[in-house]
PDB file of N, CA and C in Angstrom:
ATOM      1  N   MET A   1      61.656  96.639  97.283  1.00  0.00           N
ATOM      2  CA  MET A   1      60.886  97.656  96.623  1.00  0.00           C
ATOM      3  C   MET A   1      59.874  97.074  96.158  1.00  0.00           C
ATOM      4  N   ALA A   2      60.297  96.128  95.682  1.00  0.00           N
ATOM      5  CA  ALA A   2      58.556  95.605  94.707  1.00  0.00           C
ATOM      6  C   ALA A   2      57.410  95.546  95.329  1.00  0.00           C
ATOM      7  N   ARG A   3      58.006  94.948  96.879  1.00  0.00           N
ATOM      8  CA  ARG A   3      57.236  95.187  97.594  1.00  0.00           C
ATOM      9  C   ARG A   3      56.252  95.896  97.957  1.00  0.00           C
ATOM     10  N   LEU A   4      56.703  97.429  97.885  1.00  0.00           N
ATOM     11  CA  LEU A   4      56.322  98.130  98.076  1.00  0.00           C
ATOM     12  C   LEU A   4      55.938  99.050  96.885  1.00  0.00           C
ATOM     13  N   ARG A   5      55.826  99.024  95.869  1.00  0.00           N
ATOM     14  CA  ARG A   5      55.759  99.054  94.495  1.00  0.00           C
ATOM     15  C   ARG A   5      53.970  98.355  94.591  1.00  0.00           C
ATOM     16  N   ARG A   6      53.942  97.554  94.505  1.00  0.00           N
ATOM     17  CA  ARG A   6      52.925  96.125  94.299  1.00  0.00           C
ATOM     18  C   ARG A   6      51.522  97.365  95.311  1.00  0.00           C
ATOM     19  N   ALA A   7      52.307  97.592  96.458  1.00  0.00           N
ATOM     20  CA  ALA A   7      51.698  97.745  97.860  1.00  0.00           C
ATOM     21  C   ALA A   7      50.338  99.741  97.783  1.00  0.00           C
ATOM     22  N   LEU A   8      51.655 100.213  96.947  1.00  0.00           N
ATOM     23  CA  LEU A   8      51.393 101.583  96.328  1.00  0.00           C
ATOM     24  C   LEU A   8      50.118 101.334  95.137  1.00  0.00           C
ATOM     25  N   GLU A   9      50.347 100.735  94.584  1.00  0.00           N
ATOM     26  CA  GLU A   9      49.199 100.439  93.693  1.00  0.00           C
ATOM     27  C   GLU A   9      48.006  99.513  93.775  1.00  0.00           C
ATOM     28  N   ALA A  10      48.270  98.720  95.390  1.00  0.00           N
ATOM     29  CA  ALA A  10      47.083  98.126  95.778  1.00  0.00           C
ATOM     30  C   ALA A  10      46.042  99.438  95.995  1.00  0.00           C
ATOM     31  N   GLU A  11      46.640  99.986  96.795  1.00  0.00           N
ATOM     32  CA  GLU A  11      46.126 101.320  97.541  1.00  0.00           C
ATOM     33  C   GLU A  11      45.438 101.859  97.063  1.00  0.00           C
ATOM     34  N   ALA A  12      46.338 102.872  95.028  1.00  0.00           N
ATOM     35  CA  ALA A  12      45.550 103.086  94.547  1.00  0.00           C
ATOM     36  C   ALA A  12      44.224 102.813  93.546  1.00  0.00           C
ATOM     37  N   LEU A  13      44.627 101.667  93.685  1.00  0.00           N
ATOM     38  CA  LEU A  13      42.400 100.484  92.996  1.00  0.00           C
ATOM     39  C   LEU A  13      42.169 100.327  93.671  1.00  0.00           C
ATOM     40  N   ALA A  14      42.006  99.887  95.169  1.00  0.00           N
ATOM     41  CA  ALA A  14      41.176 100.316  95.877  1.00  0.00           C
ATOM     42  C   ALA A  14      40.376 101.233  96.681  1.00  0.00           C
ATOM     43  N   ALA A  15      40.906 102.855  97.055  1.00  0.00           N
ATOM     44  CA  ALA A  15      40.314 103.620  97.047  1.00  0.00           C
ATOM     45  C   ALA A  15      39.531 103.789  97.794  1.00  0.00           C
ATOM     46  N   GLY A  16      40.094 103.080  98.920  1.00  0.00           N
ATOM     47  CA  GLY A  16      39.446 103.013 100.285  1.00  0.00           C
ATOM     48  C   GLY A  16      38.212 102.154 100.349  1.00  0.00           C
ATOM     49  N   GLU A  17      37.370 101.139  99.230  1.00  0.00           N
ATOM     50  CA  GLU A  17      36.445 100.654  99.611  1.00  0.00           C
ATOM     51  C   GLU A  17      37.053  98.741  99.730  1.00  0.00           C
ATOM     52  N   PRO A  18      36.025  98.336 100.461  1.00  0.00           N
ATOM     53  CA  PRO A  18      36.572  96.957 100.998  1.00  0.00           C
ATOM     54  C   PRO A  18      36.731  95.880  99.718  1.00  0.00           C
ATOM     55  N   GLU A  19      37.733  94.367  99.846  1.00  0.00           N
ATOM     56  CA  GLU A  19      38.045  93.912  98.463  1.00  0.00           C
ATOM     57  C   GLU A  19      37.685  92.520  99.651  1.00  0.00           C
ATOM     58  N   LEU A  20      37.799  91.706  98.479  1.00  0.00           N
ATOM     59  CA  LEU A  20      36.722  90.501  99.227  1.00  0.00           C
ATOM     60  C   LEU A  20      38.182  90.094  99.707  1.00  0.00           C
ATOM     61  N   ASP A  21      37.917  89.536 100.562  1.00  0.00           N
ATOM     62  CA  ASP A  21      38.866  88.750 101.555  1.00  0.00           C
ATOM     63  C   ASP A  21      38.468  87.619 101.463  1.00  0.00           C
ATOM     64  N   GLU A  22      37.277  86.621 101.754  1.00  0.00           N
ATOM     65  CA  GLU A  22      36.858  85.460 101.861  1.00  0.00           C
ATOM     66  C   GLU A  22      36.244  84.602 101.494  1.00  0.00           C
ATOM     67  N   VAL A  23      36.075  83.534 100.159  1.00  0.00           N
ATOM     68  CA  VAL A  23      34.766  82.954 100.194  1.00  0.00           C
ATOM     69  C   VAL A  23      34.743  82.252 100.753  1.00  0.00           C
ATOM     70  N   ILE A  24      33.392  81.505 100.930  1.00  0.00           N
ATOM     71  CA  ILE A  24      33.286  80.197 102.085  1.00  0.00           C
ATOM     72  C   ILE A  24      31.998  79.408 101.035  1.00  0.00           C
ATOM     73  N   GLU A  25      32.299  78.182 100.886  1.00  0.00           N
ATOM     74  CA  GLU A  25      31.862  77.212 100.403  1.00  0.00           C
ATOM     75  C   GLU A  25      30.928  76.982 100.661  1.00  0.00           C
ATOM     76  N   ARG A  26      29.819  76.211 101.254  1.00  0.00           N
ATOM     77  CA  ARG A  26      29.424  75.317 101.671  1.00  0.00           C
ATOM     78  C   ARG A  26      28.503  73.851 101.364  1.00  0.00           C
ATOM     79  N   ASP A  27      28.507  73.072 100.928  1.00  0.00           N
ATOM     80  CA  ASP A  27      28.109  71.628 100.878  1.00  0.00           C
ATOM     81  C   ASP A  27      26.710  71.080 101.957  1.00  0.00           C
ATOM     82  N   ILE A  28      25.643  72.375 101.939  1.00  0.00           N
ATOM     83  CA  ILE A  28      24.782  72.620 102.479  1.00  0.00           C
ATOM     84  C   ILE A  28      22.980  72.891 101.147  1.00  0.00           C
ATOM     85  N   ASP A  29      22.690  72.440 102.321  1.00  0.00           N
ATOM     86  CA  ASP A  29      20.792  72.578 101.157  1.00  0.00           C
ATOM     87  C   ASP A  29      20.544  73.814 101.306  1.00  0.00           C
ATOM     88  N   ALA A  30      19.363  73.702 100.095  1.00  0.00           N
ATOM     89  CA  ALA A  30      19.486  75.833 100.056  1.00  0.00           C
ATOM     90  C   ALA A  30      18.626  76.467 100.729  1.00  0.00           C
ATOM     91  N   LYS A  31      17.319  75.221 101.033  1.00  0.00           N
ATOM     92  CA  LYS A  31      17.291  75.971 102.500  1.00  0.00           C
ATOM     93  C   LYS A  31      17.528  76.229 103.662  1.00  0.00           C
ATOM     94  N   VAL A  32      18.657  75.425 103.804  1.00  0.00           N
ATOM     95  CA  VAL A  32      19.380  76.066 105.281  1.00  0.00           C
ATOM     96  C   VAL A  32      19.569  77.022 105.225  1.00  0.00           C
ATOM     97  N   GLY A  33      20.758  77.327 104.216  1.00  0.00           N
ATOM     98  CA  GLY A  33      21.710  78.759 104.305  1.00  0.00           C
ATOM     99  C   GLY A  33      22.464  79.102 103.081  1.00  0.00           C
ATOM    100  N   ALA A  34      22.916  80.216 102.848  1.00  0.00           N
ATOM    101  CA  ALA A  34      23.423  80.355 101.712  1.00  0.00           C
ATOM    102  C   ALA A  34      24.697  79.593 101.391  1.00  0.00           C
ATOM    103  N   ARG A  35      24.653  78.766 100.235  1.00  0.00           N
ATOM    104  CA  ARG A  35      25.786  77.722 100.229  1.00  0.00           C
ATOM    105  C   ARG A  35      26.921  78.623  99.605  1.00  0.00           C
ATOM    106  N   ARG A  36      27.339  80.203  99.528  1.00  0.00           N
ATOM    107  CA  ARG A  36      28.712  80.918  99.347  1.00  0.00           C
ATOM    108  C   ARG A  36      28.538  81.638  99.893  1.00  0.00           C
ATOM    109  N   GLU A  37      29.394  82.152 100.795  1.00  0.00           N
ATOM    110  CA  GLU A  37      29.757  83.372 101.757  1.00  0.00           C
ATOM    111  C   GLU A  37      30.904  83.724 101.719  1.00  0.00           C
ATOM    112  N   GLU A  38      30.939  85.338 100.911  1.00  0.00           N
ATOM    113  CA  GLU A  38      31.572  86.109 100.478  1.00  0.00           C
ATOM    114  C   GLU A  38      32.241  87.208 101.828  1.00  0.00           C
ATOM    115  N   LYS A  39      33.233  87.423 102.240  1.00  0.00           N
ATOM    116  CA  LYS A  39      33.368  87.873 102.746  1.00  0.00           C
ATOM    117  C   LYS A  39      34.444  89.694 102.422  1.00  0.00           C
ATOM    118  N   SER A  40      34.581  91.238 102.927  1.00  0.00           N
ATOM    119  CA  SER A  40      34.967  91.285 102.631  1.00  0.00           C
ATOM    120  C   SER A  40      35.485  92.666 103.474  1.00  0.00           C
ATOM    121  N   ARG A  41      36.139  93.716 102.828  1.00  0.00           N
ATOM    122  CA  ARG A  41      37.436  94.191 104.373  1.00  0.00           C
ATOM    123  C   ARG A  41      37.986  94.814 103.351  1.00  0.00           C
ATOM    124  N   VAL A  42      38.261  96.151 104.905  1.00  0.00           N
ATOM    125  CA  VAL A  42      39.138  97.642 104.214  1.00  0.00           C
ATOM    126  C   VAL A  42      40.402  97.206 104.632  1.00  0.00           C
ATOM    127  N   ARG A  43      41.760  97.233 103.515  1.00  0.00           N
ATOM    128  CA  ARG A  43      42.742  96.307 104.325  1.00  0.00           C
ATOM    129  C   ARG A  43      43.584  97.813 105.136  1.00  0.00           C
ATOM    130  N   ASP A  44      44.401  97.841 105.432  1.00  0.00           N
ATOM    131  CA  ASP A  44      45.396  98.462 105.553  1.00  0.00           C
ATOM    132  C   ASP A  44      46.625  99.205 105.206  1.00  0.00           C
ATOM    133  N   TYR A  45      46.381  99.479 104.719  1.00  0.00           N
ATOM    134  CA  TYR A  45      47.862  99.666 102.858  1.00  0.00           C
ATOM    135  C   TYR A  45      48.717 101.015 103.259  1.00  0.00           C
ATOM    136  N   VAL A  46      47.675 101.767 104.555  1.00  0.00           N
ATOM    137  CA  VAL A  46      48.815 103.248 105.271  1.00  0.00           C
ATOM    138  C   VAL A  46      49.856 101.695 106.522  1.00  0.00           C
ATOM    139  N   GLY A  47      49.250 101.096 107.322  1.00  0.00           N
ATOM    140  CA  GLY A  47      50.123  99.327 107.793  1.00  0.00           C
ATOM    141  C   GLY A  47      50.741  99.214 107.201  1.00  0.00           C
ATOM    142  N   ILE A  48      50.537  99.068 106.171  1.00  0.00           N
ATOM    143  CA  ILE A  48      51.456  97.444 105.036  1.00  0.00           C
ATOM    144  C   ILE A  48      52.001  98.526 104.744  1.00  0.00           C
ATOM    145  N   ILE A  49      52.498  99.802 104.012  1.00  0.00           N
ATOM    146  CA  ILE A  49      53.361 100.545 103.591  1.00  0.00           C
ATOM    147  C   ILE A  49      54.538 101.497 104.409  1.00  0.00           C
ATOM    148  N   ASP A  50      53.849 101.677 105.926  1.00  0.00           N
ATOM    149  CA  ASP A  50      54.701 102.068 106.908  1.00  0.00           C
ATOM    150  C   ASP A  50      55.656 101.374 107.317  1.00  0.00           C
ATOM    151  N   LYS A  51      54.967  99.384 107.315  1.00  0.00           N
ATOM    152  CA  LYS A  51      56.429  98.123 107.987  1.00  0.00           C
ATOM    153  C   LYS A  51      56.732  98.160 106.771  1.00  0.00           C
ATOM    154  N   LEU A  52      56.769  98.195 105.272  1.00  0.00           N
ATOM    155  CA  LEU A  52      57.639  97.957 104.185  1.00  0.00           C
ATOM    156  C   LEU A  52      58.591  98.639 104.295  1.00  0.00           C
ATOM    157  N   THR A  53      58.005 100.394 104.336  1.00  0.00           N
ATOM    158  CA  THR A  53      59.510 101.544 104.212  1.00  0.00           C
ATOM    159  C   THR A  53      60.308 101.628 105.252  1.00  0.00           C
ATOM    160  N   SER A  54      59.661 100.730 106.440  1.00  0.00           N
ATOM    161  CA  SER A  54      60.735 100.386 108.408  1.00  0.00           C
ATOM    162  C   SER A  54      61.680 100.094 107.534  1.00  0.00           C
ATOM    163  N   ARG A  55      61.046  98.558 106.861  1.00  0.00           N
ATOM    164  CA  ARG A  55      62.072  97.341 106.609  1.00  0.00           C
ATOM    165  C   ARG A  55      63.132  98.014 105.945  1.00  0.00           C
ATOM    166  N   ILE A  56      62.770  98.634 104.657  1.00  0.00           N
ATOM    167  CA  ILE A  56      64.225  99.358 104.043  1.00  0.00           C
ATOM    168  C   ILE A  56      64.835 100.673 104.523  1.00  0.00           C
ATOM    169  N   GLU A  57      64.213 101.010 105.074  1.00  0.00           N
ATOM    170  CA  GLU A  57      65.178 102.102 105.814  1.00  0.00           C
ATOM    171  C   GLU A  57      66.363 101.304 106.307  1.00  0.00           C
ATOM    172  N   SER A  58      65.613 100.606 107.486  1.00  0.00           N
ATOM    173  CA  SER A  58      66.437  98.940 108.570  1.00  0.00           C
ATOM    174  C   SER A  58      67.333  98.772 107.296  1.00  0.00           C
ATOM    175  N   LEU A  59      67.501  97.749 106.266  1.00  0.00           N
ATOM    176  CA  LEU A  59      68.038  97.464 105.520  1.00  0.00           C
ATOM    177  C   LEU A  59      69.192  98.345 105.257  1.00  0.00           C
ATOM    178  N   GLU A  60      68.921  99.631 104.932  1.00  0.00           N
ATOM    179  CA  GLU A  60      69.619 101.060 104.533  1.00  0.00           C
ATOM    180  C   GLU A  60      71.084 100.722 105.505  1.00  0.00           C
ATOM    181  N   ARG A  61      70.687 101.523 106.851  1.00  0.00           N
ATOM    182  CA  ARG A  61      71.194 101.595 107.892  1.00  0.00           C
ATOM    183  C   ARG A  61      72.446 100.204 107.888  1.00  0.00           C
ATOM    184  N   THR A  62      71.776  99.109 107.868  1.00  0.00           N
ATOM    185  CA  THR A  62      72.866  98.111 107.801  1.00  0.00           C
ATOM    186  C   THR A  62      73.683  97.848 106.902  1.00  0.00           C
ATOM    187  N   ARG A  63      73.231  98.144 105.478  1.00  0.00           N
ATOM    188  CA  ARG A  63      73.713  98.074 104.204  1.00  0.00           C
ATOM    189  C   ARG A  63      74.784  98.684 104.007  1.00  0.00           C
ATOM    190  N   ARG A  64      74.609 100.611 105.170  1.00  0.00           N
ATOM    191  CA  ARG A  64      75.853 102.232 105.366  1.00  0.00           C
ATOM    192  C   ARG A  64      76.970 101.583 106.756  1.00  0.00           C
ATOM    193  N   GLU A  65      76.194 100.806 107.270  1.00  0.00           N
ATOM    194  CA  GLU A  65      76.942 100.705 108.310  1.00  0.00           C
ATOM    195  C   GLU A  65      78.236  99.464 108.483  1.00  0.00           C
ATOM    196  N   LEU A  66      77.560  98.690 107.563  1.00  0.00           N
ATOM    197  CA  LEU A  66      78.210  97.120 106.715  1.00  0.00           C
ATOM    198  C   LEU A  66      79.298  97.723 105.625  1.00  0.00           C
ATOM    199  N   LEU A  67      79.107  98.817 105.200  1.00  0.00           N
ATOM    200  CA  LEU A  67      80.699  99.927 104.340  1.00  0.00           C
ATOM    201  C   LEU A  67      81.792 100.601 104.953  1.00  0.00           C
ATOM    202  N   LYS A  68      81.066 100.822 105.842  1.00  0.00           N
ATOM    203  CA  LYS A  68      82.083 101.717 106.903  1.00  0.00           C
ATOM    204  C   LYS A  68      83.522 101.569 106.848  1.00  0.00           C
ATOM    205  N   PRO A  69      84.667 101.783 106.949  1.00  0.00           N
ATOM    206  CA  PRO A  69      85.780 100.692 106.960  1.00  0.00           C
ATOM    207  C   PRO A  69      85.515 100.966 108.792  1.00  0.00           C
ATOM    208  N   GLY A  70      85.840  99.452 108.887  1.00  0.00           N
ATOM    209  CA  GLY A  70      85.649  99.351 110.384  1.00  0.00           C
ATOM    210  C   GLY A  70      85.279  99.399 110.610  1.00  0.00           C
ATOM    211  N   ALA A  71      83.811  98.504 110.122  1.00  0.00           N
ATOM    212  CA  ALA A  71      83.042  97.831 111.073  1.00  0.00           C
ATOM    213  C   ALA A  71      82.604  96.800 111.913  1.00  0.00           C
ATOM    214  N   GLU A  72      81.677  97.492 112.786  1.00  0.00           N
ATOM    215  CA  GLU A  72      82.342  95.884 113.559  1.00  0.00           C
ATOM    216  C   GLU A  72      82.125  94.136 112.971  1.00  0.00           C
ATOM    217  N   GLY A  73      82.742  93.882 113.523  1.00  0.00           N
ATOM    218  CA  GLY A  73      83.005  92.855 113.324  1.00  0.00           C
ATOM    219  C   GLY A  73      84.299  92.272 112.395  1.00  0.00           C
ATOM    220  N   ASP A  74      85.301  92.738 111.729  1.00  0.00           N
ATOM    221  CA  ASP A  74      86.315  93.916 110.794  1.00  0.00           C
ATOM    222  C   ASP A  74      87.021  93.502 111.300  1.00  0.00           C
ATOM    223  N   ASP A  75      87.840  92.752 110.559  1.00  0.00           N
ATOM    224  CA  ASP A  75      89.484  91.591 111.798  1.00  0.00           C
ATOM    225  C   ASP A  75      89.913  93.042 111.381  1.00  0.00           C
ATOM    226  N   ASP A  76      90.188  93.698 109.742  1.00  0.00           N
ATOM    227  CA  ASP A  76      90.864  94.714 109.416  1.00  0.00           C
ATOM    228  C   ASP A  76      90.479  96.166 110.077  1.00  0.00           C
ATOM    229  N   ALA A  77      90.569  96.552 110.712  1.00  0.00           N
ATOM    230  CA  ALA A  77      89.187  97.964 111.041  1.00  0.00           C
ATOM    231  C   ALA A  77      90.782  99.027 111.799  1.00  0.00           C
ATOM    232  N   ASP A  78      92.084  98.496 111.849  1.00  0.00           N
ATOM    233  CA  ASP A  78      92.929  99.425 111.606  1.00  0.00           C
ATOM    234  C   ASP A  78      94.134  99.215 110.258  1.00  0.00           C
ATOM    235  N   LYS A  79      94.039  98.904 109.302  1.00  0.00           N
ATOM    236  CA  LYS A  79      94.547  99.119 108.395  1.00  0.00           C
ATOM    237  C   LYS A  79      93.756  99.528 107.417  1.00  0.00           C
ATOM    238  N   GLU A  80      94.572 100.334 106.430  1.00  0.00           N
ATOM    239  CA  GLU A  80      93.644 100.966 105.644  1.00  0.00           C
ATOM    240  C   GLU A  80      92.953 100.554 104.168  1.00  0.00           C
ATOM    241  N   PRO A  81      92.130 100.732 103.427  1.00  0.00           N
ATOM    242  CA  PRO A  81      91.500 100.038 102.574  1.00  0.00           C
ATOM    243  C   PRO A  81      92.154 100.348 101.386  1.00  0.00           C
ATOM    244  N   ILE A  82      92.412  99.453 100.504  1.00  0.00           N
ATOM    245  CA  ILE A  82      93.681  98.710  99.095  1.00  0.00           C
ATOM    246  C   ILE A  82      92.877  99.980  98.755  1.00  0.00           C
ATOM    247  N   GLY A  83      93.436 100.279  98.069  1.00  0.00           N
ATOM    248  CA  GLY A  83      93.675 101.514  97.000  1.00  0.00           C
ATOM    249  C   GLY A  83      93.706 101.057  96.221  1.00  0.00           C
ATOM    250  N   LYS A  84      94.713 100.110  95.554  1.00  0.00           N
ATOM    251  CA  LYS A  84      95.348  99.841  94.154  1.00  0.00           C
ATOM    252  C   LYS A  84      95.158  98.199  94.165  1.00  0.00           C
ATOM    253  N   ILE A  85      94.840  97.314  93.163  1.00  0.00           N
ATOM    254  CA  ILE A  85      95.461  96.224  92.967  1.00  0.00           C
ATOM    255  C   ILE A  85      96.634  96.042  92.151  1.00  0.00           C
ATOM    256  N   VAL A  86      97.703  95.340  91.807  1.00  0.00           N
ATOM    257  CA  VAL A  86      98.914  94.645  91.120  1.00  0.00           C
ATOM    258  C   VAL A  86      98.535  93.586  90.931  1.00  0.00           C
ATOM    259  N   VAL A  87      98.488  93.123  89.038  1.00  0.00           N
ATOM    260  CA  VAL A  87      98.521  91.484  89.141  1.00  0.00           C
ATOM    261  C   VAL A  87      99.896  91.513  88.618  1.00  0.00           C
ATOM    262  N   GLU A  88     100.574  91.054  88.140  1.00  0.00           N
ATOM    263  CA  GLU A  88     102.413  90.472  87.695  1.00  0.00           C
ATOM    264  C   GLU A  88     101.529  88.993  86.523  1.00  0.00           C
ATOM    265  N   VAL A  89     102.257  89.695  85.667  1.00  0.00           N
ATOM    266  CA  VAL A  89     101.265  88.471  84.439  1.00  0.00           C
ATOM    267  C   VAL A  89     102.878  88.176  84.585  1.00  0.00           C
ATOM    268  N   VAL A  90     102.964  86.289  84.357  1.00  0.00           N
ATOM    269  CA  VAL A  90     104.585  85.209  84.131  1.00  0.00           C
ATOM    270  C   VAL A  90     104.413  84.829  83.100  1.00  0.00           C
ATOM    271  N   SER A  91     105.004  85.334  82.207  1.00  0.00           N
ATOM    272  CA  SER A  91     104.730  84.114  80.534  1.00  0.00           C
ATOM    273  C   SER A  91     105.645  83.091  81.226  1.00  0.00           C
ATOM    274  N   ALA A  92     105.468  81.663  80.664  1.00  0.00           N
ATOM    275  CA  ALA A  92     105.528  80.715  81.438  1.00  0.00           C
ATOM    276  C   ALA A  92     106.976  80.421  80.014  1.00  0.00           C
ATOM    277  N   ARG A  93     107.369  79.982  80.339  1.00  0.00           N
ATOM    278  CA  ARG A  93     109.033  79.848  79.906  1.00  0.00           C
ATOM    279  C   ARG A  93     109.153  78.071  79.170  1.00  0.00           C
ATOM    280  N   ALA A  94     109.620  78.089  77.642  1.00  0.00           N
ATOM    281  CA  ALA A  94     109.674  76.811  77.088  1.00  0.00           C
ATOM    282  C   ALA A  94     110.628  76.034  77.868  1.00  0.00           C
ATOM    283  N   ALA A  95     109.338  74.384  77.910  1.00  0.00           N
ATOM    284  CA  ALA A  95     109.889  72.985  78.273  1.00  0.00           C
ATOM    285  C   ALA A  95     111.079  73.330  77.916  1.00  0.00           C
ATOM    286  N   PRO A  96     112.404  72.973  78.735  1.00  0.00           N
ATOM    287  CA  PRO A  96     113.659  71.784  77.910  1.00  0.00           C
ATOM    288  C   PRO A  96     113.296  71.312  77.359  1.00  0.00           C
ATOM    289  N   ASP A  97     114.102  70.272  75.990  1.00  0.00           N
ATOM    290  CA  ASP A  97     114.510  69.848  75.599  1.00  0.00           C
ATOM    291  C   ASP A  97     115.109  67.870  75.589  1.00  0.00           C
ATOM    292  N   HIS A  98     114.750  67.493  76.413  1.00  0.00           N
ATOM    293  CA  HIS A  98     115.054  66.807  77.275  1.00  0.00           C
ATOM    294  C   HIS A  98     115.753  66.086  76.129  1.00  0.00           C
ATOM    295  N   ASP A  99     115.565  65.033  75.297  1.00  0.00           N
ATOM    296  CA  ASP A  99     116.021  64.489  73.815  1.00  0.00           C
ATOM    297  C   ASP A  99     117.258  64.837  73.285  1.00  0.00           C
ATOM    298  N   GLY A 100     116.823  66.442  72.690  1.00  0.00           N
ATOM    299  CA  GLY A 100     117.569  66.652  71.887  1.00  0.00           C
ATOM    300  C   GLY A 100     116.933  67.637  70.165  1.00  0.00           C
ATOM    301  N   THR A 101     115.332  66.404  70.670  1.00  0.00           N
ATOM    302  CA  THR A 101     114.653  66.006  69.016  1.00  0.00           C
ATOM    303  C   THR A 101     113.606  67.717  69.519  1.00  0.00           C
ATOM    304  N   ALA A 102     112.693  68.084  68.442  1.00  0.00           N
ATOM    305  CA  ALA A 102     112.049  69.531  68.820  1.00  0.00           C
ATOM    306  C   ALA A 102     111.029  68.575  67.817  1.00  0.00           C
ATOM    307  N   GLY A 103     109.741  68.639  68.897  1.00  0.00           N
ATOM    308  CA  GLY A 103     109.049  68.430  68.138  1.00  0.00           C
ATOM    309  C   GLY A 103     107.414  67.492  69.078  1.00  0.00           C
TER     310      GLY A 103
END
């Protein structure tokens, strides 16, 4: 979800304008050519957002399938789901006094 939110924010900020994509620094003489070259491109935010929403949808579908009773690979598929767990608390008895003295 965070990636999707960031992609939507970046798309809004870019507003269809090219963004800086790559900077190339060269160690050459200025007479020969440019020492620094910047390349920009328009990012495909629609494709990025579609890919992220498809992934979220796939994960949600898998989650629903795993939460279903009797899901594939569930060895207890024929059993009813546990509705209540009962815990019995047993207090320990005092240890017997073997030598007859307290303490």
